[in-house]
Protein backbone atom coordinates (compact mmCIF):
# COMPACT_ATOMS: atom_id res chain seq x y z
CA MET A 1 -20.23 24.16 61.79
CA ILE A 2 -21.53 27.56 62.90
CA VAL A 3 -24.11 29.11 60.59
CA THR A 4 -24.46 32.87 60.79
CA ASP A 5 -27.62 34.59 59.58
CA THR A 6 -26.42 37.75 57.86
CA SER A 7 -29.88 39.06 56.96
CA PRO A 8 -30.62 42.48 58.44
CA ILE A 9 -34.18 41.31 59.20
CA ARG A 10 -34.71 38.90 62.10
CA ALA A 11 -38.49 38.47 61.92
CA ALA A 12 -41.71 39.90 60.53
CA GLU A 13 -44.87 40.77 62.47
CA MET A 14 -48.40 41.65 61.47
CA VAL A 15 -49.84 44.39 63.67
CA LEU A 16 -53.46 43.94 64.75
CA PRO A 17 -55.30 46.57 66.82
CA CYS A 18 -57.47 45.33 69.68
CA ALA A 19 -59.46 47.35 72.22
CA ASP A 20 -59.76 44.31 74.49
CA LEU A 21 -56.29 42.78 74.65
CA ASP A 22 -57.20 40.04 77.14
CA ALA A 23 -60.09 38.70 75.08
CA THR A 24 -58.19 38.89 71.79
CA LEU A 25 -55.11 37.23 73.27
CA GLY A 26 -57.25 34.43 74.68
CA PHE A 27 -58.90 33.87 71.31
CA PHE A 28 -55.60 33.47 69.48
CA THR A 29 -53.96 31.29 72.13
CA ASP A 30 -56.85 29.16 73.41
CA ARG A 31 -58.99 28.93 70.27
CA LEU A 32 -56.38 28.96 67.52
CA GLY A 33 -53.31 27.52 69.24
CA PHE A 34 -50.92 30.48 69.03
CA ARG A 35 -48.29 30.84 71.77
CA VAL A 36 -47.27 34.00 73.61
CA GLU A 37 -43.74 35.18 72.82
CA VAL A 38 -43.77 38.72 74.24
CA ILE A 39 -46.13 40.64 76.51
CA PHE A 40 -45.62 44.03 78.23
CA PRO A 41 -45.75 45.99 80.40
CA ALA A 42 -46.19 43.37 83.10
CA ASP A 43 -48.39 45.44 85.39
CA ALA A 44 -50.85 46.55 82.67
CA PRO A 45 -50.25 44.65 79.36
CA ALA A 46 -50.88 46.75 76.29
CA ILE A 47 -48.93 44.77 73.67
CA ALA A 48 -48.63 41.03 73.13
CA VAL A 49 -46.79 39.14 70.41
CA VAL A 50 -48.07 35.67 69.57
CA ALA A 51 -46.69 33.15 67.09
CA GLY A 52 -47.95 29.99 65.50
CA HIS A 53 -48.67 28.22 62.22
CA GLY A 54 -45.86 30.14 60.52
CA LEU A 55 -47.32 33.52 61.49
CA ARG A 56 -46.29 36.19 64.03
CA LEU A 57 -48.92 38.67 65.27
CA ARG A 58 -48.45 41.83 67.32
CA LEU A 59 -51.63 42.63 69.23
CA GLU A 60 -51.73 46.30 70.24
CA ARG A 61 -54.36 47.67 72.59
CA ASP A 62 -55.71 50.91 71.13
CA GLY A 63 -53.59 50.37 68.01
CA ALA A 64 -54.56 51.91 64.67
CA GLY A 65 -55.44 50.18 61.44
CA ALA A 66 -57.82 47.53 60.12
CA PRO A 67 -58.24 44.20 61.94
CA GLY A 68 -57.40 42.29 58.75
CA THR A 69 -58.04 38.74 57.57
CA ILE A 70 -56.09 35.58 58.37
CA ARG A 71 -56.40 32.27 56.52
CA LEU A 72 -55.59 29.06 58.37
CA LEU A 73 -54.83 26.04 56.17
CA CYS A 74 -56.29 23.07 58.05
CA ARG A 75 -55.99 19.31 57.68
CA ASP A 76 -59.68 19.10 58.59
CA ALA A 77 -61.23 22.53 58.04
CA ASP A 78 -64.77 21.33 58.75
CA GLY A 79 -63.80 19.63 62.00
CA PHE A 80 -61.66 22.44 63.42
CA ALA A 81 -64.52 24.67 64.57
CA GLY A 82 -67.54 22.41 64.43
CA GLY A 83 -68.24 23.06 60.78
CA ALA A 84 -67.72 26.82 60.85
CA ARG A 85 -65.43 28.09 58.09
CA VAL A 86 -65.16 31.70 59.31
CA LEU A 87 -64.38 32.89 62.84
CA THR A 88 -64.25 36.46 64.10
CA ALA A 89 -61.76 37.45 66.80
CA PRO A 90 -62.85 39.87 69.56
CA ASN A 91 -60.89 42.63 67.82
CA GLY A 92 -62.70 42.02 64.52
CA THR A 93 -60.00 40.02 62.72
CA ARG A 94 -61.63 37.64 60.25
CA VAL A 95 -60.21 34.09 60.42
CA GLU A 96 -60.93 31.89 57.42
CA LEU A 97 -60.54 28.11 57.77
CA VAL A 98 -59.64 26.43 54.48
CA ASP A 99 -58.43 23.01 53.40
CA ALA A 100 -54.66 22.79 53.37
CA ASP A 101 -54.58 20.64 50.24
CA TYR A 102 -56.27 23.22 47.97
CA PRO A 103 -59.00 21.00 46.51
CA LEU A 104 -59.20 21.02 42.73
CA VAL A 105 -62.11 23.17 41.57
CA LEU A 106 -63.43 22.18 38.14
CA PRO A 107 -65.80 24.85 36.75
CA PRO A 108 -68.76 23.81 34.61
CA LEU A 109 -67.90 23.66 30.92
CA VAL A 110 -69.24 26.50 28.77
CA PRO A 111 -68.76 25.15 25.24
CA GLY A 112 -68.17 27.36 22.23
CA PHE A 113 -66.29 27.78 18.97
CA VAL A 114 -63.06 29.74 19.52
CA LEU A 115 -60.68 30.96 16.80
CA SER A 116 -57.38 32.59 17.80
CA ARG A 117 -55.28 34.21 15.07
CA MET A 118 -51.50 34.36 15.25
CA GLY A 119 -51.50 37.82 13.67
CA ASP A 120 -53.18 39.47 16.67
CA ALA A 121 -50.10 41.07 18.24
CA ALA A 122 -52.15 42.51 21.10
CA ALA A 123 -52.73 38.97 22.38
CA TRP A 124 -49.19 38.67 23.78
CA GLY A 125 -48.59 39.54 27.43
CA ALA A 126 -45.89 39.12 30.06
CA GLY A 127 -46.08 35.97 32.18
CA ARG A 128 -44.16 34.08 34.86
CA ALA A 129 -40.35 33.88 34.81
CA GLY A 130 -39.98 36.42 31.99
CA MET A 131 -41.95 34.39 29.42
CA GLY A 132 -44.33 35.84 26.83
CA TYR A 133 -47.86 34.40 26.90
CA ARG A 134 -50.59 34.37 24.25
CA ASP A 135 -54.05 33.23 25.34
CA LEU A 136 -55.48 30.79 22.78
CA ILE A 137 -58.88 30.42 24.50
CA PRO A 138 -59.64 33.91 25.89
CA GLY A 139 -63.01 32.89 27.36
CA ARG A 140 -61.48 29.75 28.91
CA LEU A 141 -64.72 27.79 28.15
CA GLY A 142 -66.17 28.95 31.45
CA GLY A 143 -62.87 28.47 33.27
CA ARG A 144 -62.58 24.81 32.35
CA PHE A 145 -59.57 24.99 30.00
CA ILE A 146 -56.59 27.19 29.27
CA ALA A 147 -54.37 27.02 26.21
CA SER A 148 -51.28 29.20 26.02
CA HIS A 149 -48.74 29.93 23.29
CA ILE A 150 -45.56 30.67 25.25
CA ARG A 151 -42.31 32.08 23.91
CA ILE A 152 -38.87 33.04 25.18
CA GLU A 153 -37.17 35.48 22.84
CA HIS A 154 -33.66 35.37 24.29
CA GLY A 155 -31.92 32.08 24.99
CA GLY A 156 -30.00 31.13 28.08
CA PRO A 157 -30.84 30.29 31.70
CA VAL A 158 -34.50 30.68 32.68
CA PRO A 159 -35.20 32.31 36.10
CA ASP A 160 -37.44 29.44 37.17
CA TYR A 161 -37.61 27.45 40.43
CA VAL A 162 -38.80 24.00 41.47
CA HIS A 163 -42.59 24.12 41.44
CA PHE A 164 -45.74 22.08 40.81
CA HIS A 165 -49.31 22.67 39.71
CA ASN A 166 -52.66 21.67 41.18
CA VAL A 167 -54.23 20.47 37.93
CA ARG A 168 -56.43 17.83 36.39
CA PHE A 169 -54.52 17.81 33.08
CA GLN A 170 -51.48 19.64 31.73
CA MET A 171 -49.21 19.12 28.73
CA ILE A 172 -46.47 21.07 26.95
CA TYR A 173 -45.65 20.77 23.25
CA CYS A 174 -42.44 22.29 21.85
CA ARG A 175 -43.14 24.08 18.57
CA THR A 176 -39.76 25.67 17.84
CA GLY A 177 -36.32 25.71 19.48
CA TRP A 178 -35.48 23.69 22.56
CA VAL A 179 -35.84 23.88 26.31
CA ARG A 180 -33.99 21.98 29.05
CA LEU A 181 -36.31 20.58 31.73
CA VAL A 182 -36.01 18.42 34.83
CA TYR A 183 -38.78 16.45 36.54
CA GLU A 184 -39.22 14.70 39.86
CA ASP A 185 -38.22 11.01 39.74
CA GLN A 186 -37.51 11.20 35.99
CA GLY A 187 -33.70 11.23 36.08
CA GLU A 188 -31.35 13.86 34.73
CA PRO A 189 -32.40 17.04 32.89
CA PHE A 190 -33.23 16.57 29.21
CA LEU A 191 -33.89 18.63 26.08
CA LEU A 192 -37.43 19.06 24.82
CA GLU A 193 -36.95 19.81 21.12
CA ALA A 194 -39.28 20.90 18.32
CA GLY A 195 -42.00 18.27 17.89
CA ASP A 196 -41.50 16.77 21.35
CA CYS A 197 -43.99 17.05 24.19
CA VAL A 198 -44.46 16.10 27.83
CA LEU A 199 -47.41 15.28 30.00
CA GLN A 200 -47.05 16.95 33.41
CA PRO A 201 -49.17 14.83 35.76
CA PRO A 202 -50.78 16.49 38.80
CA GLN A 203 -48.30 17.86 41.35
CA ILE A 204 -45.12 16.51 39.75
CA ARG A 205 -42.23 18.80 40.74
CA HIS A 206 -40.34 20.28 37.82
CA ARG A 207 -38.20 23.18 36.69
CA VAL A 208 -37.30 24.97 33.45
CA LEU A 209 -33.51 25.34 33.35
CA GLU A 210 -32.59 27.01 30.05
CA SER A 211 -33.82 27.51 26.52
CA SER A 212 -32.77 28.39 23.03
CA ALA A 213 -33.50 31.81 21.62
CA GLY A 214 -36.91 31.89 19.98
CA LEU A 215 -38.35 29.00 21.99
CA GLU A 216 -42.10 28.49 21.47
CA VAL A 217 -44.26 25.97 23.31
CA ILE A 218 -47.98 25.25 23.50
CA GLU A 219 -49.32 24.53 27.00
CA ILE A 220 -52.80 23.09 27.61
CA GLY A 221 -54.26 22.91 31.13
CA CYS A 222 -57.44 22.03 32.99
CA PRO A 223 -58.83 23.82 34.91
CA ALA A 224 -57.87 27.24 33.57
CA LEU A 225 -57.33 28.74 37.03
CA HIS A 226 -54.99 26.54 39.05
CA GLU A 227 -52.38 27.11 41.72
CA THR A 228 -48.63 26.99 41.12
CA PHE A 229 -46.71 26.06 44.27
CA ALA A 230 -42.99 26.59 44.82
CA ASP A 231 -41.08 23.71 46.44
CA GLY A 232 -37.77 24.93 47.74
CA ALA A 233 -37.18 21.75 49.74
CA LEU A 234 -36.75 19.38 46.78
CA PRO A 235 -33.59 19.69 44.68
CA LEU A 236 -33.89 18.57 41.05
CA PRO A 237 -32.65 16.26 39.74
CA ASN A 238 -33.40 14.25 42.88
CA GLY A 239 -31.38 11.15 42.01
CA THR A 240 -34.40 8.91 41.39
CA LEU A 241 -35.60 7.29 38.17
CA ASP A 242 -39.15 5.96 38.45
CA PRO A 243 -40.93 6.43 35.09
CA ALA A 244 -43.90 4.33 36.23
CA ARG A 245 -44.60 6.43 39.34
CA ASP A 246 -48.24 7.38 39.78
CA PHE A 247 -49.07 11.08 40.19
CA GLY A 248 -52.79 11.49 40.86
CA GLY A 249 -53.71 8.60 38.57
CA GLN A 250 -51.32 9.64 35.79
CA ARG A 251 -47.68 9.03 34.97
CA PHE A 252 -45.07 11.29 33.42
CA GLN A 253 -44.87 10.96 29.64
CA ARG A 254 -42.12 12.26 27.35
CA HIS A 255 -42.81 12.03 23.64
CA ILE A 256 -39.79 12.23 21.31
CA ALA A 257 -40.86 13.14 17.79
CA ALA A 258 -37.72 11.85 16.05
CA THR A 259 -38.41 8.24 17.06
CA ALA A 260 -42.24 8.20 16.95
CA PRO A 261 -44.06 6.31 14.17
CA TRP A 262 -46.88 7.68 12.03
CA ARG A 263 -50.19 5.82 11.67
CA PRO A 264 -53.61 6.47 10.11
CA TRP A 265 -55.67 9.12 11.89
CA ARG A 266 -59.36 8.66 12.68
CA ALA A 267 -60.34 10.45 9.43
CA ALA A 268 -59.39 8.98 6.08
CA GLY A 269 -56.67 10.84 4.25
CA PHE A 270 -54.69 11.89 7.34
CA ASP A 271 -51.88 10.38 9.37
CA CYS A 272 -51.04 11.06 13.01
CA ARG A 273 -48.15 10.76 15.42
CA ASP A 274 -49.54 9.74 18.80
CA THR A 275 -47.84 11.25 21.86
CA GLY A 276 -48.77 8.52 24.34
CA ILE A 277 -50.72 10.93 26.52
CA ALA A 278 -53.94 8.89 26.29
CA ALA A 279 -52.20 5.89 27.82
CA ALA A 280 -50.37 7.97 30.43
CA THR A 281 -53.62 9.61 31.60
CA ARG A 282 -55.64 6.37 31.45
CA GLY A 283 -57.85 7.84 28.76
CA LEU A 284 -58.50 11.19 30.38
CA ALA A 285 -56.87 13.12 27.51
CA GLY A 286 -55.13 12.55 24.23
CA ALA A 287 -52.75 14.45 21.98
CA GLN A 288 -51.44 13.77 18.52
CA VAL A 289 -49.81 15.56 15.60
CA VAL A 290 -51.88 15.28 12.41
CA ARG A 291 -50.72 15.65 8.78
CA PRO A 292 -52.46 15.11 5.43
CA GLY A 293 -51.94 11.86 3.60
CA ALA A 294 -52.71 11.03 -0.02
CA ALA A 295 -56.44 10.22 0.12
CA ASP A 296 -59.64 12.25 0.46
CA ARG A 297 -59.25 15.20 2.84
CA THR A 298 -62.81 16.49 2.99
CA ALA A 299 -64.63 14.15 5.39
CA VAL A 300 -67.14 15.81 7.74
CA MET A 301 -66.49 15.03 11.41
CA THR A 302 -68.11 15.70 14.77
CA HIS A 303 -67.23 14.84 18.34
CA ASP A 304 -69.16 14.32 21.56
CA GLY A 305 -66.28 14.91 23.95
CA GLU A 306 -65.47 17.60 26.47
CA PHE A 307 -62.68 19.32 24.53
CA LEU A 308 -61.32 19.42 20.96
CA PHE A 309 -58.46 21.78 20.21
CA PHE A 310 -56.28 22.27 17.12
CA PHE A 311 -53.12 24.37 16.77
CA VAL A 312 -51.58 24.88 13.33
CA LEU A 313 -47.90 24.03 13.75
CA GLY A 314 -47.09 24.63 10.09
CA GLY A 315 -48.69 24.85 6.66
CA GLU A 316 -52.21 25.99 5.79
CA MET A 317 -55.74 24.61 5.57
CA THR A 318 -59.35 25.67 5.37
CA LEU A 319 -61.60 24.72 8.24
CA HIS A 320 -65.35 24.51 7.67
CA ALA A 321 -66.97 24.84 11.11
CA GLY A 322 -69.80 27.33 11.53
CA GLY A 323 -68.34 29.10 8.50
CA GLU A 324 -65.19 28.97 6.39
CA HIS A 325 -61.87 29.80 8.05
CA ARG A 326 -58.50 29.83 6.32
CA LEU A 327 -55.88 28.87 8.89
CA GLY A 328 -52.13 29.35 8.90
CA PRO A 329 -49.18 28.76 11.24
CA GLY A 330 -49.92 29.77 14.83
CA ASP A 331 -53.70 29.83 14.46
CA ALA A 332 -55.70 27.83 17.00
CA VAL A 333 -59.27 26.54 17.04
CA THR A 334 -61.53 25.02 19.69
CA VAL A 335 -64.52 23.10 18.31
CA PRO A 336 -67.48 22.38 20.61
CA ALA A 337 -69.20 19.01 20.79
CA GLY A 338 -71.87 18.45 18.15
CA MET A 339 -70.54 21.05 15.67
CA PRO A 340 -69.75 19.48 12.26
CA TYR A 341 -66.30 20.37 10.98
CA ARG A 342 -64.31 19.58 7.86
CA PHE A 343 -60.75 20.16 6.62
CA ALA A 344 -60.21 21.31 3.05
CA ALA A 345 -57.47 22.74 0.80
CA CYS A 346 -54.78 21.31 3.04
CA GLY A 347 -51.25 22.14 2.02
CA GLU A 348 -48.64 19.40 1.94
CA ALA A 349 -46.75 21.14 4.78
CA LEU A 350 -49.75 21.10 7.09
CA ASN A 351 -49.11 19.87 10.64
CA LEU A 352 -51.72 20.17 13.40
CA LEU A 353 -51.49 19.58 17.11
CA GLU A 354 -54.76 18.00 18.24
CA VAL A 355 -55.67 17.75 21.94
CA THR A 356 -58.84 16.01 23.10
CA LEU A 357 -60.63 15.17 26.31
CA PRO A 358 -61.29 12.30 26.63
CA GLY A 359 -58.34 10.68 24.90
């Protein structure tokens, strides 16, 4: 079969000026491993094109413009240049040597009480793939955690692509509507419906395919700033079913609300529906849906963990934590370790999503 490339563009080059072409060319070829593809004129070279590491550079003697910065993603960044992480080419181009695997950076936790109200319309912004995003922890607790209320107003196919995240922890809870998802090694696409949730373990490939109109999900991640990588080489579904596969010490978990049992919560007077995330993360995190039972609902609680987050899925309640706060659907609260808190005046329709670290 003959494949014809119909693109009008054959290649792309970055132009770098260099007063000393010989020295700059030697740096890129001998020091960095680029190869010469074009050089002219033969009797007095003034332009050389080098290629390597997925990059094509056009070195122009007496060319105009800034020398620029190049990042090289290395298997062993420290060993490449004897421990140096920044090199400077003879023409002034800055060459940064970084780890190819993008090490996970976990910022120090800055604890605090955070209350996010659903009625703040200004909180909504445009996000990836045409989705609306509402930041539930604007200060991100020092960059340690992110919680997002995400919505898709119009149903149908979602302009997403196969991708993965460099994360420590990430989960998605479906509040309203439905969304069709597909995950690496987890079989065929499936519907995530209201009340369901998934744990997305580190670097699992996945894709959002389509959604109902009015879809709303809650996404919790750690750290707040993390990379999203596209993976165009892996088609999903990929024909493999391996629910026990390990992804960075975690396994994929799909919680189906319709078949999940209720059990007593840690505080008397409340029941919970456990999502299985604590087991799937080996205790790193936990998530459950909490509802009032028939007993006392006014116990004072505290926690000594890293993270405690509540999102009001439905109904109303009063939270006593550093003051009195009447909460309704869509409101979210983050309670720091050591702060006493208490639920009161809970309506019968109350449902809370609780996420904790550790589980």
